[in-house]
Structure formats: C-alpha cells, structure tokens
C-alpha cells in the first residue's frame, strides 16, 4: 500500500495524513506501507509524531514501513533526532516498491 503526501507536514495537515495511514493499515495481513514524502518540504513535531506512530502501528502488526525521502529537511530531522536508525528509507518510489516486493 502506498500513501503519498505533499505540502508541509504540520499540525494543519497531520490529521489527514494520520487518517490515510490508518486506512492503509486496515488491510488484513502483515502490511507493508510505503509512505512517499518526496513532495513534503517541511515536517514539524506533529508530523514527526505521525511518522513515529505509523512505525509503531506497523511494527505491532509485524509489518514494514518504508519512507521515500529526498535529501533535505525530513532526512535531516530523522538524523538529528536519531530516528534514522529506526526507519527504513528509499530515495525513490520505485526503490521502495522493489524493496517491499
């Protein structure tokens, strides 16, 4: 399942993304969720909380979460918070889909 986000991932957008992630995770079985953030230039603490929450939910179901990221703010945010060790990332959607197969 692929969820694509665009625009700033902040307090205003976070509820919509959370709902999309929750809907994607309702798929029976062991989900592999690909979250494409290549069109997201900014992420605040609320957005980061959505990502961590999605990772927790996926791991609870023994699934996988793959983030698709461009080099930039979100990659830097994950690095400085040391969360990059916990998230599986790819540089393109194609790479993520291949990894998920």
PDB file of N, CA and C in Angstrom:
ATOM      1  N   UNK A   1       0.851  -1.170   0.000  1.00  0.00           N
ATOM      2  CA  UNK A   1       0.000   0.000   0.000  1.00  0.00           C
ATOM      3  C   UNK A   1       0.899   1.236   0.000  1.00  0.00           C
ATOM      4  N   UNK A   2       0.571   2.195  -0.843  1.00  0.00           N
ATOM      5  CA  UNK A   2       1.341   3.433  -0.947  1.00  0.00           C
ATOM      6  C   UNK A   2       0.466   4.601  -0.510  1.00  0.00           C
ATOM      7  N   UNK A   3       1.015   5.433   0.356  1.00  0.00           N
ATOM      8  CA  UNK A   3       0.381   6.694   0.735  1.00  0.00           C
ATOM      9  C   UNK A   3       1.335   7.797   0.305  1.00  0.00           C
ATOM     10  N   UNK A   4       0.833   8.721  -0.514  1.00  0.00           N
ATOM     11  CA  UNK A   4       1.655   9.830  -0.973  1.00  0.00           C
ATOM     12  C   UNK A   4       1.191  11.110  -0.293  1.00  0.00           C
ATOM     13  N   UNK A   5       2.156  11.853   0.211  1.00  0.00           N
ATOM     14  CA  UNK A   5       1.863  13.123   0.871  1.00  0.00           C
ATOM     15  C   UNK A   5       2.525  14.247   0.085  1.00  0.00           C
ATOM     16  N   UNK A   6       1.943  15.427   0.164  1.00  0.00           N
ATOM     17  CA  UNK A   6       2.552  16.589  -0.478  1.00  0.00           C
ATOM     18  C   UNK A   6       2.275  17.817   0.370  1.00  0.00           C
ATOM     19  N   UNK A   7       3.119  18.815   0.202  1.00  0.00           N
ATOM     20  CA  UNK A   7       2.993  20.025   1.000  1.00  0.00           C
ATOM     21  C   UNK A   7       3.633  19.845   2.359  1.00  0.00           C
ATOM     22  N   UNK A   8       3.453  20.816   3.208  1.00  0.00           N
ATOM     23  CA  UNK A   8       4.066  20.776   4.532  1.00  0.00           C
ATOM     24  C   UNK A   8       3.341  19.784   5.435  1.00  0.00           C
ATOM     25  N   UNK A   9       4.125  18.999   6.158  1.00  0.00           N
ATOM     26  CA  UNK A   9       3.572  18.031   7.107  1.00  0.00           C
ATOM     27  C   UNK A   9       3.615  18.687   8.483  1.00  0.00           C
ATOM     28  N   UNK A  10       2.533  19.396   8.794  1.00  0.00           N
ATOM     29  CA  UNK A  10       2.465  20.156  10.040  1.00  0.00           C
ATOM     30  C   UNK A  10       1.128  19.899  10.729  1.00  0.00           C
ATOM     31  N   UNK A  11       0.862  20.671  11.758  1.00  0.00           N
ATOM     32  CA  UNK A  11      -0.338  20.488  12.564  1.00  0.00           C
ATOM     33  C   UNK A  11      -1.618  20.549  11.721  1.00  0.00           C
ATOM     34  N   UNK A  12      -1.628  21.364  10.691  1.00  0.00           N
ATOM     35  CA  UNK A  12      -2.829  21.514   9.873  1.00  0.00           C
ATOM     36  C   UNK A  12      -3.088  20.295   8.992  1.00  0.00           C
ATOM     37  N   UNK A  13      -2.042  19.649   8.517  1.00  0.00           N
ATOM     38  CA  UNK A  13      -2.161  18.538   7.572  1.00  0.00           C
ATOM     39  C   UNK A  13      -2.109  17.185   8.276  1.00  0.00           C
ATOM     40  N   UNK A  14      -1.511  17.134   9.443  1.00  0.00           N
ATOM     41  CA  UNK A  14      -1.267  15.868  10.146  1.00  0.00           C
ATOM     42  C   UNK A  14      -2.516  15.006  10.330  1.00  0.00           C
ATOM     43  N   UNK A  15      -3.665  15.556  10.712  1.00  0.00           N
ATOM     44  CA  UNK A  15      -4.838  14.688  10.891  1.00  0.00           C
ATOM     45  C   UNK A  15      -5.242  13.954   9.608  1.00  0.00           C
ATOM     46  N   UNK A  16      -5.127  14.626   8.479  1.00  0.00           N
ATOM     47  CA  UNK A  16      -5.476  13.986   7.207  1.00  0.00           C
ATOM     48  C   UNK A  16      -4.503  12.856   6.888  1.00  0.00           C
ATOM     49  N   UNK A  17      -3.203  13.094   7.091  1.00  0.00           N
ATOM     50  CA  UNK A  17      -2.217  12.048   6.833  1.00  0.00           C
ATOM     51  C   UNK A  17      -2.408  10.887   7.804  1.00  0.00           C
ATOM     52  N   UNK A  18      -2.683  11.196   9.062  1.00  0.00           N
ATOM     53  CA  UNK A  18      -2.929  10.138  10.050  1.00  0.00           C
ATOM     54  C   UNK A  18      -4.100   9.266   9.602  1.00  0.00           C
ATOM     55  N   UNK A  19      -5.166   9.885   9.115  1.00  0.00           N
ATOM     56  CA  UNK A  19      -6.335   9.132   8.647  1.00  0.00           C
ATOM     57  C   UNK A  19      -5.982   8.261   7.445  1.00  0.00           C
ATOM     58  N   UNK A  20      -5.183   8.773   6.520  1.00  0.00           N
ATOM     59  CA  UNK A  20      -4.775   7.988   5.355  1.00  0.00           C
ATOM     60  C   UNK A  20      -3.920   6.797   5.774  1.00  0.00           C
ATOM     61  N   UNK A  21      -3.010   7.013   6.713  1.00  0.00           N
ATOM     62  CA  UNK A  21      -2.162   5.925   7.208  1.00  0.00           C
ATOM     63  C   UNK A  21      -3.019   4.882   7.916  1.00  0.00           C
ATOM     64  N   UNK A  22      -3.938   5.314   8.758  1.00  0.00           N
ATOM     65  CA  UNK A  22      -4.818   4.382   9.468  1.00  0.00           C
ATOM     66  C   UNK A  22      -5.636   3.549   8.483  1.00  0.00           C
ATOM     67  N   UNK A  23      -6.151   4.196   7.453  1.00  0.00           N
ATOM     68  CA  UNK A  23      -6.924   3.480   6.436  1.00  0.00           C
ATOM     69  C   UNK A  23      -6.051   2.437   5.739  1.00  0.00           C
ATOM     70  N   UNK A  24      -4.831   2.814   5.394  1.00  0.00           N
ATOM     71  CA  UNK A  24      -3.915   1.880   4.727  1.00  0.00           C
ATOM     72  C   UNK A  24      -3.589   0.692   5.618  1.00  0.00           C
ATOM     73  N   UNK A  25      -3.491   0.925   6.912  1.00  0.00           N
ATOM     74  CA  UNK A  25      -3.120  -0.152   7.835  1.00  0.00           C
ATOM     75  C   UNK A  25      -4.285  -1.069   8.181  1.00  0.00           C
ATOM     76  N   UNK A  26      -5.487  -0.729   7.738  1.00  0.00           N
ATOM     77  CA  UNK A  26      -6.640  -1.593   7.975  1.00  0.00           C
ATOM     78  C   UNK A  26      -6.641  -2.815   7.063  1.00  0.00           C
ATOM     79  N   UNK A  27      -5.743  -2.855   6.081  1.00  0.00           N
ATOM     80  CA  UNK A  27      -5.636  -4.002   5.184  1.00  0.00           C
ATOM     81  C   UNK A  27      -5.236  -5.223   5.989  1.00  0.00           C
ATOM     82  N   UNK A  28      -5.976  -6.326   5.862  1.00  0.00           N
ATOM     83  CA  UNK A  28      -5.649  -7.531   6.635  1.00  0.00           C
ATOM     84  C   UNK A  28      -4.268  -8.087   6.280  1.00  0.00           C
ATOM     85  N   UNK A  29      -3.701  -8.830   7.196  1.00  0.00           N
ATOM     86  CA  UNK A  29      -2.402  -9.451   6.962  1.00  0.00           C
ATOM     87  C   UNK A  29      -1.278  -8.630   7.553  1.00  0.00           C
ATOM     88  N   UNK A  30      -0.110  -8.858   7.045  1.00  0.00           N
ATOM     89  CA  UNK A  30       1.078  -8.142   7.507  1.00  0.00           C
ATOM     90  C   UNK A  30       1.370  -7.022   6.516  1.00  0.00           C
ATOM     91  N   UNK A  31       0.994  -5.821   6.859  1.00  0.00           N
ATOM     92  CA  UNK A  31       1.083  -4.739   5.887  1.00  0.00           C
ATOM     93  C   UNK A  31       2.509  -4.269   5.634  1.00  0.00           C
ATOM     94  N   UNK A  32       2.716  -3.854   4.401  1.00  0.00           N
ATOM     95  CA  UNK A  32       3.917  -3.099   4.065  1.00  0.00           C
ATOM     96  C   UNK A  32       3.406  -1.761   3.565  1.00  0.00           C
ATOM     97  N   UNK A  33       3.664  -0.746   4.324  1.00  0.00           N
ATOM     98  CA  UNK A  33       3.206   0.595   3.987  1.00  0.00           C
ATOM     99  C   UNK A  33       4.382   1.394   3.453  1.00  0.00           C
ATOM    100  N   UNK A  34       4.214   1.927   2.246  1.00  0.00           N
ATOM    101  CA  UNK A  34       5.202   2.819   1.651  1.00  0.00           C
ATOM    102  C   UNK A  34       4.636   4.225   1.775  1.00  0.00           C
ATOM    103  N   UNK A  35       5.357   5.077   2.465  1.00  0.00           N
ATOM    104  CA  UNK A  35       4.923   6.456   2.676  1.00  0.00           C
ATOM    105  C   UNK A  35       5.842   7.366   1.868  1.00  0.00           C
ATOM    106  N   UNK A  36       5.311   7.890   0.769  1.00  0.00           N
ATOM    107  CA  UNK A  36       6.090   8.721  -0.150  1.00  0.00           C
ATOM    108  C   UNK A  36       6.035  10.172   0.316  1.00  0.00           C
ATOM    109  N   UNK A  37       7.167  10.645   0.797  1.00  0.00           N
ATOM    110  CA  UNK A  37       7.270  12.017   1.313  1.00  0.00           C
ATOM    111  C   UNK A  37       8.151  12.895   0.427  1.00  0.00           C
ATOM    112  N   UNK A  38       8.359  12.489  -0.829  1.00  0.00           N
ATOM    113  CA  UNK A  38       9.255  13.244  -1.706  1.00  0.00           C
ATOM    114  C   UNK A  38       8.729  14.634  -2.030  1.00  0.00           C
ATOM    115  N   UNK A  39       7.432  14.848  -1.883  1.00  0.00           N
ATOM    116  CA  UNK A  39       6.841  16.164  -2.158  1.00  0.00           C
ATOM    117  C   UNK A  39       6.555  16.944  -0.875  1.00  0.00           C
ATOM    118  N   UNK A  40       7.193  16.537   0.217  1.00  0.00           N
ATOM    119  CA  UNK A  40       6.996  17.197   1.513  1.00  0.00           C
ATOM    120  C   UNK A  40       8.279  17.950   1.870  1.00  0.00           C
ATOM    121  N   UNK A  41       8.263  19.280   1.780  1.00  0.00           N
ATOM    122  CA  UNK A  41       9.472  20.048   2.063  1.00  0.00           C
ATOM    123  C   UNK A  41       9.706  20.342   3.549  1.00  0.00           C
ATOM    124  N   UNK A  42       8.663  20.173   4.379  1.00  0.00           N
ATOM    125  CA  UNK A  42       8.760  20.570   5.784  1.00  0.00           C
ATOM    126  C   UNK A  42       7.964  19.603   6.643  1.00  0.00           C
ATOM    127  N   UNK A  43       8.501  19.312   7.825  1.00  0.00           N
ATOM    128  CA  UNK A  43       7.816  18.449   8.782  1.00  0.00           C
ATOM    129  C   UNK A  43       8.072  19.002  10.181  1.00  0.00           C
ATOM    130  N   UNK A  44       6.998  19.273  10.929  1.00  0.00           N
ATOM    131  CA  UNK A  44       7.170  19.749  12.300  1.00  0.00           C
ATOM    132  C   UNK A  44       7.041  18.578  13.271  1.00  0.00           C
ATOM    133  N   UNK A  45       7.011  18.878  14.554  1.00  0.00           N
ATOM    134  CA  UNK A  45       6.977  17.814  15.565  1.00  0.00           C
ATOM    135  C   UNK A  45       5.693  16.989  15.493  1.00  0.00           C
ATOM    136  N   UNK A  46       4.595  17.605  15.096  1.00  0.00           N
ATOM    137  CA  UNK A  46       3.342  16.861  14.953  1.00  0.00           C
ATOM    138  C   UNK A  46       3.467  15.864  13.801  1.00  0.00           C
ATOM    139  N   UNK A  47       4.047  16.305  12.701  1.00  0.00           N
ATOM    140  CA  UNK A  47       4.276  15.414  11.566  1.00  0.00           C
ATOM    141  C   UNK A  47       5.216  14.284  11.926  1.00  0.00           C
ATOM    142  N   UNK A  48       6.259  14.602  12.675  1.00  0.00           N
ATOM    143  CA  UNK A  48       7.193  13.567  13.124  1.00  0.00           C
ATOM    144  C   UNK A  48       6.467  12.554  14.004  1.00  0.00           C
ATOM    145  N   UNK A  49       5.555  13.033  14.836  1.00  0.00           N
ATOM    146  CA  UNK A  49       4.757  12.137  15.667  1.00  0.00           C
ATOM    147  C   UNK A  49       3.899  11.194  14.836  1.00  0.00           C
ATOM    148  N   UNK A  50       3.381  11.677  13.703  1.00  0.00           N
ATOM    149  CA  UNK A  50       2.603  10.828  12.798  1.00  0.00           C
ATOM    150  C   UNK A  50       3.490   9.712  12.256  1.00  0.00           C
ATOM    151  N   UNK A  51       4.713  10.055  11.868  1.00  0.00           N
ATOM    152  CA  UNK A  51       5.639   9.049  11.324  1.00  0.00           C
ATOM    153  C   UNK A  51       5.991   8.001  12.373  1.00  0.00           C
ATOM    154  N   UNK A  52       6.292   8.447  13.583  1.00  0.00           N
ATOM    155  CA  UNK A  52       6.633   7.510  14.659  1.00  0.00           C
ATOM    156  C   UNK A  52       5.418   6.640  15.001  1.00  0.00           C
ATOM    157  N   UNK A  53       4.240   7.243  15.044  1.00  0.00           N
ATOM    158  CA  UNK A  53       3.027   6.478  15.311  1.00  0.00           C
ATOM    159  C   UNK A  53       2.764   5.433  14.238  1.00  0.00           C
ATOM    160  N   UNK A  54       2.992   5.797  12.978  1.00  0.00           N
ATOM    161  CA  UNK A  54       2.814   4.839  11.884  1.00  0.00           C
ATOM    162  C   UNK A  54       3.805   3.690  12.015  1.00  0.00           C
ATOM    163  N   UNK A  55       5.041   4.004  12.361  1.00  0.00           N
ATOM    164  CA  UNK A  55       6.053   2.960  12.543  1.00  0.00           C
ATOM    165  C   UNK A  55       5.651   2.011  13.666  1.00  0.00           C
ATOM    166  N   UNK A  56       5.171   2.556  14.754  1.00  0.00           N
ATOM    167  CA  UNK A  56       4.738   1.730  15.885  1.00  0.00           C
ATOM    168  C   UNK A  56       3.584   0.820  15.483  1.00  0.00           C
ATOM    169  N   UNK A  57       2.582   1.380  14.807  1.00  0.00           N
ATOM    170  CA  UNK A  57       1.432   0.577  14.364  1.00  0.00           C
ATOM    171  C   UNK A  57       1.858  -0.539  13.425  1.00  0.00           C
ATOM    172  N   UNK A  58       2.730  -0.223  12.475  1.00  0.00           N
ATOM    173  CA  UNK A  58       3.181  -1.228  11.512  1.00  0.00           C
ATOM    174  C   UNK A  58       3.957  -2.328  12.224  1.00  0.00           C
ATOM    175  N   UNK A  59       4.825  -1.946  13.123  1.00  0.00           N
ATOM    176  CA  UNK A  59       5.607  -2.956  13.851  1.00  0.00           C
ATOM    177  C   UNK A  59       4.719  -3.820  14.737  1.00  0.00           C
ATOM    178  N   UNK A  60       3.676  -3.244  15.295  1.00  0.00           N
ATOM    179  CA  UNK A  60       2.744  -4.017  16.124  1.00  0.00           C
ATOM    180  C   UNK A  60       2.069  -5.130  15.329  1.00  0.00           C
ATOM    181  N   UNK A  61       1.941  -4.930  14.025  1.00  0.00           N
ATOM    182  CA  UNK A  61       1.318  -5.942  13.167  1.00  0.00           C
ATOM    183  C   UNK A  61       2.363  -6.745  12.399  1.00  0.00           C
ATOM    184  N   UNK A  62       3.620  -6.613  12.803  1.00  0.00           N
ATOM    185  CA  UNK A  62       4.740  -7.306  12.161  1.00  0.00           C
ATOM    186  C   UNK A  62       4.872  -6.944  10.683  1.00  0.00           C
ATOM    187  N   UNK A  63       4.524  -5.713  10.371  1.00  0.00           N
ATOM    188  CA  UNK A  63       4.631  -5.231   9.004  1.00  0.00           C
ATOM    189  C   UNK A  63       5.879  -4.387   8.811  1.00  0.00           C
ATOM    190  N   UNK A  64       5.907  -3.682   7.703  1.00  0.00           N
ATOM    191  CA  UNK A  64       7.035  -2.810   7.366  1.00  0.00           C
ATOM    192  C   UNK A  64       6.519  -1.435   6.977  1.00  0.00           C
ATOM    193  N   UNK A  65       7.316  -0.437   7.313  1.00  0.00           N
ATOM    194  CA  UNK A  65       7.070   0.927   6.866  1.00  0.00           C
ATOM    195  C   UNK A  65       8.317   1.376   6.130  1.00  0.00           C
ATOM    196  N   UNK A  66       8.137   1.809   4.889  1.00  0.00           N
ATOM    197  CA  UNK A  66       9.249   2.330   4.103  1.00  0.00           C
ATOM    198  C   UNK A  66       8.930   3.781   3.772  1.00  0.00           C
ATOM    199  N   UNK A  67       9.828   4.680   4.149  1.00  0.00           N
ATOM    200  CA  UNK A  67       9.677   6.092   3.820  1.00  0.00           C
ATOM    201  C   UNK A  67      10.446   6.386   2.542  1.00  0.00           C
ATOM    202  N   UNK A  68       9.824   7.101   1.622  1.00  0.00           N
ATOM    203  CA  UNK A  68      10.502   7.561   0.416  1.00  0.00           C
ATOM    204  C   UNK A  68      10.832   9.028   0.645  1.00  0.00           C
ATOM    205  N   UNK A  69      12.133   9.327   0.656  1.00  0.00           N
ATOM    206  CA  UNK A  69      12.587  10.668   1.028  1.00  0.00           C
ATOM    207  C   UNK A  69      13.586  11.221   0.030  1.00  0.00           C
ATOM    208  N   UNK A  70      13.472  12.505  -0.254  1.00  0.00           N
ATOM    209  CA  UNK A  70      14.527  13.234  -0.942  1.00  0.00           C
ATOM    210  C   UNK A  70      15.507  13.720   0.116  1.00  0.00           C
ATOM    211  N   UNK A  71      16.771  13.935  -0.274  1.00  0.00           N
ATOM    212  CA  UNK A  71      17.663  14.582   0.695  1.00  0.00           C
ATOM    213  C   UNK A  71      17.065  15.946   1.049  1.00  0.00           C
ATOM    214  N   UNK A  72      17.067  16.273   2.306  1.00  0.00           N
ATOM    215  CA  UNK A  72      16.501  17.554   2.700  1.00  0.00           C
ATOM    216  C   UNK A  72      16.060  17.554   4.140  1.00  0.00           C
ATOM    217  N   UNK A  73      15.050  18.353   4.416  1.00  0.00           N
ATOM    218  CA  UNK A  73      14.634  18.641   5.783  1.00  0.00           C
ATOM    219  C   UNK A  73      14.220  17.392   6.557  1.00  0.00           C
ATOM    220  N   UNK A  74      13.403  16.518   5.952  1.00  0.00           N
ATOM    221  CA  UNK A  74      12.924  15.353   6.700  1.00  0.00           C
ATOM    222  C   UNK A  74      14.068  14.386   6.973  1.00  0.00           C
ATOM    223  N   UNK A  75      14.927  14.179   5.985  1.00  0.00           N
ATOM    224  CA  UNK A  75      16.097  13.324   6.194  1.00  0.00           C
ATOM    225  C   UNK A  75      16.955  13.887   7.321  1.00  0.00           C
ATOM    226  N   UNK A  76      17.163  15.196   7.309  1.00  0.00           N
ATOM    227  CA  UNK A  76      17.950  15.853   8.364  1.00  0.00           C
ATOM    228  C   UNK A  76      17.259  15.707   9.722  1.00  0.00           C
ATOM    229  N   UNK A  77      15.955  15.899   9.762  1.00  0.00           N
ATOM    230  CA  UNK A  77      15.194  15.781  11.009  1.00  0.00           C
ATOM    231  C   UNK A  77      15.325  14.376  11.593  1.00  0.00           C
ATOM    232  N   UNK A  78      15.205  13.356  10.755  1.00  0.00           N
ATOM    233  CA  UNK A  78      15.353  11.979  11.237  1.00  0.00           C
ATOM    234  C   UNK A  78      16.766  11.725  11.755  1.00  0.00           C
ATOM    235  N   UNK A  79      17.758  12.331  11.112  1.00  0.00           N
ATOM    236  CA  UNK A  79      19.149  12.144  11.535  1.00  0.00           C
ATOM    237  C   UNK A  79      19.423  12.820  12.872  1.00  0.00           C
ATOM    238  N   UNK A  80      19.018  14.075  13.019  1.00  0.00           N
ATOM    239  CA  UNK A  80      19.332  14.792  14.262  1.00  0.00           C
ATOM    240  C   UNK A  80      18.550  14.258  15.454  1.00  0.00           C
ATOM    241  N   UNK A  81      17.414  13.626  15.199  1.00  0.00           N
ATOM    242  CA  UNK A  81      16.646  13.017  16.289  1.00  0.00           C
ATOM    243  C   UNK A  81      17.030  11.555  16.503  1.00  0.00           C
ATOM    244  N   UNK A  82      17.977  11.086  15.701  1.00  0.00           N
ATOM    245  CA  UNK A  82      18.471   9.702  15.767  1.00  0.00           C
ATOM    246  C   UNK A  82      17.390   8.686  15.393  1.00  0.00           C
ATOM    247  N   UNK A  83      16.325   9.140  14.773  1.00  0.00           N
ATOM    248  CA  UNK A  83      15.260   8.236  14.341  1.00  0.00           C
ATOM    249  C   UNK A  83      15.596   7.538  13.027  1.00  0.00           C
ATOM    250  N   UNK A  84      16.620   8.029  12.335  1.00  0.00           N
ATOM    251  CA  UNK A  84      17.011   7.393  11.076  1.00  0.00           C
ATOM    252  C   UNK A  84      17.401   5.932  11.278  1.00  0.00           C
ATOM    253  N   UNK A  85      17.798   5.568  12.487  1.00  0.00           N
ATOM    254  CA  UNK A  85      18.156   4.176  12.788  1.00  0.00           C
ATOM    255  C   UNK A  85      16.931   3.270  12.830  1.00  0.00           C
ATOM    256  N   UNK A  86      15.763   3.848  12.971  1.00  0.00           N
ATOM    257  CA  UNK A  86      14.545   3.061  13.138  1.00  0.00           C
ATOM    258  C   UNK A  86      13.687   2.975  11.874  1.00  0.00           C
ATOM    259  N   UNK A  87      13.874   3.925  10.966  1.00  0.00           N
ATOM    260  CA  UNK A  87      13.067   3.967   9.753  1.00  0.00           C
ATOM    261  C   UNK A  87      13.823   3.376   8.575  1.00  0.00           C
ATOM    262  N   UNK A  88      13.120   2.574   7.799  1.00  0.00           N
ATOM    263  CA  UNK A  88      13.648   2.089   6.525  1.00  0.00           C
ATOM    264  C   UNK A  88      13.330   3.166   5.490  1.00  0.00           C
ATOM    265  N   UNK A  89      14.339   3.591   4.727  1.00  0.00           N
ATOM    266  CA  UNK A  89      14.126   4.658   3.758  1.00  0.00           C
ATOM    267  C   UNK A  89      14.645   4.258   2.382  1.00  0.00           C
ATOM    268  N   UNK A  90      14.060   4.883   1.371  1.00  0.00           N
ATOM    269  CA  UNK A  90      14.498   4.736  -0.012  1.00  0.00           C
ATOM    270  C   UNK A  90      14.473   6.120  -0.650  1.00  0.00           C
ATOM    271  N   UNK A  91      15.234   6.269  -1.728  1.00  0.00           N
ATOM    272  CA  UNK A  91      15.306   7.555  -2.412  1.00  0.00           C
ATOM    273  C   UNK A  91      14.242   7.767  -3.470  1.00  0.00           C
ATOM    274  N   UNK A  92      13.648   6.665  -3.957  1.00  0.00           N
ATOM    275  CA  UNK A  92      12.602   6.779  -4.974  1.00  0.00           C
ATOM    276  C   UNK A  92      11.463   5.818  -4.652  1.00  0.00           C
ATOM    277  N   UNK A  93      10.311   6.119  -5.210  1.00  0.00           N
ATOM    278  CA  UNK A  93       9.160   5.245  -5.025  1.00  0.00           C
ATOM    279  C   UNK A  93       9.431   3.876  -5.643  1.00  0.00           C
ATOM    280  N   UNK A  94      10.089   3.846  -6.804  1.00  0.00           N
ATOM    281  CA  UNK A  94      10.412   2.573  -7.458  1.00  0.00           C
ATOM    282  C   UNK A  94      11.273   1.702  -6.545  1.00  0.00           C
ATOM    283  N   UNK A  95      12.299   2.303  -5.925  1.00  0.00           N
ATOM    284  CA  UNK A  95      13.159   1.553  -4.997  1.00  0.00           C
ATOM    285  C   UNK A  95      12.341   1.000  -3.834  1.00  0.00           C
ATOM    286  N   UNK A  96      11.437   1.797  -3.316  1.00  0.00           N
ATOM    287  CA  UNK A  96      10.616   1.362  -2.180  1.00  0.00           C
ATOM    288  C   UNK A  96       9.696   0.216  -2.577  1.00  0.00           C
ATOM    289  N   UNK A  97       9.091   0.318  -3.746  1.00  0.00           N
ATOM    290  CA  UNK A  97       8.202  -0.752  -4.204  1.00  0.00           C
ATOM    291  C   UNK A  97       8.979  -2.041  -4.457  1.00  0.00           C
ATOM    292  N   UNK A  98      10.181  -1.915  -5.014  1.00  0.00           N
ATOM    293  CA  UNK A  98      11.025  -3.098  -5.214  1.00  0.00           C
ATOM    294  C   UNK A  98      11.403  -3.715  -3.871  1.00  0.00           C
ATOM    295  N   UNK A  99      11.739  -2.873  -2.899  1.00  0.00           N
ATOM    296  CA  UNK A  99      12.120  -3.369  -1.572  1.00  0.00           C
ATOM    297  C   UNK A  99      10.936  -4.035  -0.876  1.00  0.00           C
ATOM    298  N   UNK A 100       9.743  -3.542  -1.138  1.00  0.00           N
ATOM    299  CA  UNK A 100       8.546  -4.074  -0.489  1.00  0.00           C
ATOM    300  C   UNK A 100       8.088  -5.398  -1.091  1.00  0.00           C
ATOM    301  N   UNK A 101       8.509  -5.660  -2.323  1.00  0.00           N
ATOM    302  CA  UNK A 101       8.047  -6.880  -3.028  1.00  0.00           C
ATOM    303  C   UNK A 101       8.615  -8.148  -2.422  1.00  0.00           C
TER     304      UNK A 101
END
